[in-house]
C-alpha atoms as a PDB file:
ATOM      1  CA  MET A   1       0.144   0.135  -0.046  1.00  0.00           C
ATOM      2  CA  LYS A   2       1.198   3.707  -0.953  1.00  0.00           C
ATOM      3  CA  TYR A   3       1.241   5.926   1.930  1.00  0.00           C
ATOM      4  CA  SER A   4       1.884   9.826   2.274  1.00  0.00           C
ATOM      5  CA  TYR A   5       2.153  11.344   5.545  1.00  0.00           C
ATOM      6  CA  LYS A   6       2.782  15.232   5.846  1.00  0.00           C
ATOM      7  CA  THR A   7       5.237  16.133   8.368  1.00  0.00           C
ATOM      8  CA  LYS A   8       5.015  18.401  11.400  1.00  0.00           C
ATOM      9  CA  GLY A   9       7.846  20.600  12.310  1.00  0.00           C
ATOM     10  CA  THR A  10      10.520  19.400   9.943  1.00  0.00           C
ATOM     11  CA  CYS A  11      12.391  20.813   6.962  1.00  0.00           C
ATOM     12  CA  SER A  12      10.684  17.858   4.953  1.00  0.00           C
ATOM     13  CA  GLY A  13       7.160  18.527   4.091  1.00  0.00           C
ATOM     14  CA  LEU A  14       6.268  14.995   3.267  1.00  0.00           C
ATOM     15  CA  ILE A  15       7.189  11.427   3.591  1.00  0.00           C
ATOM     16  CA  GLN A  16       6.095   8.763   0.881  1.00  0.00           C
ATOM     17  CA  LEU A  17       6.348   5.010   1.607  1.00  0.00           C
ATOM     18  CA  ASP A  18       5.013   1.572   0.734  1.00  0.00           C
ATOM     19  CA  ILE A  19       3.922  -0.623   3.518  1.00  0.00           C
ATOM     20  CA  GLU A  20       3.573  -4.354   2.992  1.00  0.00           C
ATOM     21  CA  GLY A  21       2.058  -6.167   6.025  1.00  0.00           C
ATOM     22  CA  ASP A  22       4.644  -4.650   8.834  1.00  0.00           C
ATOM     23  CA  THR A  23       7.491  -3.960   6.280  1.00  0.00           C
ATOM     24  CA  VAL A  24       8.639  -0.937   4.964  1.00  0.00           C
ATOM     25  CA  HIS A  25       9.718  -0.130   1.434  1.00  0.00           C
ATOM     26  CA  ASN A  26      10.461   2.752  -1.171  1.00  0.00           C
ATOM     27  CA  ILE A  27      11.036   5.621   1.790  1.00  0.00           C
ATOM     28  CA  LYS A  28      11.065   9.131  -0.008  1.00  0.00           C
ATOM     29  CA  PHE A  29      11.262  12.222   1.607  1.00  0.00           C
ATOM     30  CA  LEU A  30      10.178  15.476  -0.130  1.00  0.00           C
ATOM     31  CA  GLY A  31      12.195  18.387   1.184  1.00  0.00           C
ATOM     32  CA  GLY A  32      14.923  18.630   3.872  1.00  0.00           C
ATOM     33  CA  CYS A  33      18.478  17.416   3.867  1.00  0.00           C
ATOM     34  CA  GLU A  34      18.663  15.430   0.761  1.00  0.00           C
ATOM     35  CA  GLY A  35      21.823  13.309   1.510  1.00  0.00           C
ATOM     36  CA  ASN A  36      20.802  12.585   4.993  1.00  0.00           C
ATOM     37  CA  LEU A  37      17.269  11.587   3.943  1.00  0.00           C
ATOM     38  CA  LYS A  38      18.467   9.362   1.091  1.00  0.00           C
ATOM     39  CA  THR A  39      20.710   7.599   3.440  1.00  0.00           C
ATOM     40  CA  ILE A  40      18.018   6.902   6.204  1.00  0.00           C
ATOM     41  CA  SER A  41      15.664   5.625   3.456  1.00  0.00           C
ATOM     42  CA  ILE A  42      18.645   2.957   2.179  1.00  0.00           C
ATOM     43  CA  LEU A  43      19.017   2.191   5.562  1.00  0.00           C
ATOM     44  CA  LEU A  44      15.819   1.387   6.740  1.00  0.00           C
ATOM     45  CA  GLU A  45      14.474  -0.243   3.338  1.00  0.00           C
ATOM     46  CA  GLY A  46      12.734  -3.399   4.320  1.00  0.00           C
ATOM     47  CA  SER A  47      12.853  -2.704   7.967  1.00  0.00           C
ATOM     48  CA  LYS A  48       9.723  -3.521  10.353  1.00  0.00           C
ATOM     49  CA  VAL A  49       7.614  -0.905  11.618  1.00  0.00           C
ATOM     50  CA  ASN A  50       8.731  -1.782  15.201  1.00  0.00           C
ATOM     51  CA  GLU A  51      12.243  -1.516  14.199  1.00  0.00           C
ATOM     52  CA  VAL A  52      11.875   1.998  12.588  1.00  0.00           C
ATOM     53  CA  GLU A  53      10.150   2.961  15.642  1.00  0.00           C
ATOM     54  CA  GLN A  54      12.933   1.685  17.843  1.00  0.00           C
ATOM     55  CA  LYS A  55      15.622   3.444  15.617  1.00  0.00           C
ATOM     56  CA  CYS A  56      14.065   6.710  14.903  1.00  0.00           C
ATOM     57  CA  LYS A  57      11.468   7.742  17.359  1.00  0.00           C
ATOM     58  CA  GLY A  58      12.405  10.513  19.620  1.00  0.00           C
ATOM     59  CA  ILE A  59      15.502  11.778  17.535  1.00  0.00           C
ATOM     60  CA  THR A  60      15.091  15.631  17.746  1.00  0.00           C
ATOM     61  CA  CYS A  61      16.928  18.024  15.235  1.00  0.00           C
ATOM     62  CA  GLY A  62      18.654  21.058  16.356  1.00  0.00           C
ATOM     63  CA  GLY A  63      16.027  23.047  18.852  1.00  0.00           C
ATOM     64  CA  ARG A  64      13.421  20.998  17.462  1.00  0.00           C
ATOM     65  CA  SER A  65      11.331  18.306  19.357  1.00  0.00           C
ATOM     66  CA  THR A  66      11.243  16.325  16.293  1.00  0.00           C
ATOM     67  CA  SER A  67      13.204  15.393  13.373  1.00  0.00           C
ATOM     68  CA  CYS A  68      12.627  13.689   9.893  1.00  0.00           C
ATOM     69  CA  ALA A  69      13.699  10.533  11.528  1.00  0.00           C
ATOM     70  CA  ASP A  70      11.197  11.010  14.204  1.00  0.00           C
ATOM     71  CA  GLN A  71       8.364  11.927  11.638  1.00  0.00           C
ATOM     72  CA  LEU A  72       9.200   8.817   9.674  1.00  0.00           C
ATOM     73  CA  ALA A  73       8.435   6.617  12.856  1.00  0.00           C
ATOM     74  CA  HIS A  74       4.962   8.379  13.154  1.00  0.00           C
ATOM     75  CA  ALA A  75       4.380   8.118   9.430  1.00  0.00           C
ATOM     76  CA  VAL A  76       5.450   4.382   9.350  1.00  0.00           C
ATOM     77  CA  ARG A  77       3.086   3.432  12.533  1.00  0.00           C
ATOM     78  CA  GLU A  78       0.082   5.521  10.793  1.00  0.00           C
ATOM     79  CA  ALA A  79       0.327   3.663   7.519  1.00  0.00           C
ATOM     80  CA  TYR A  80       0.496   0.297   9.295  1.00  0.00           C
ATOM     81  CA  ASN A  81      -2.538   1.068  11.289  1.00  0.00           C
ATOM     82  CA  ALA A  82      -4.104   2.496   8.371  1.00  0.00           C
ATOM     83  CA  SER A  83      -3.364  -0.819   6.362  1.00  0.00           C
ATOM     84  CA  LEU A  84      -5.275  -2.762   8.874  1.00  0.00           C
ATOM     85  CA  SER A  85      -8.577  -0.902   8.291  1.00  0.00           C
END
């Protein structure tokens, strides 16, 4: 299932991903730090939702209370929950 998530509080404005069961594929960030976000996408390709949450949830950026990685953790959980509906 293809899923789009509008981020909150980050330079990246949108995260797109595919979710199959509890596995995440094809993560793409629109906006933000291109090199870092490409790296995150590659490193997390094929990860389970729980793995992404464990690795990324709660990471902050600068003085912000969130980051693109933290927003990805929220996105994969939301996508997974939507896929169950």
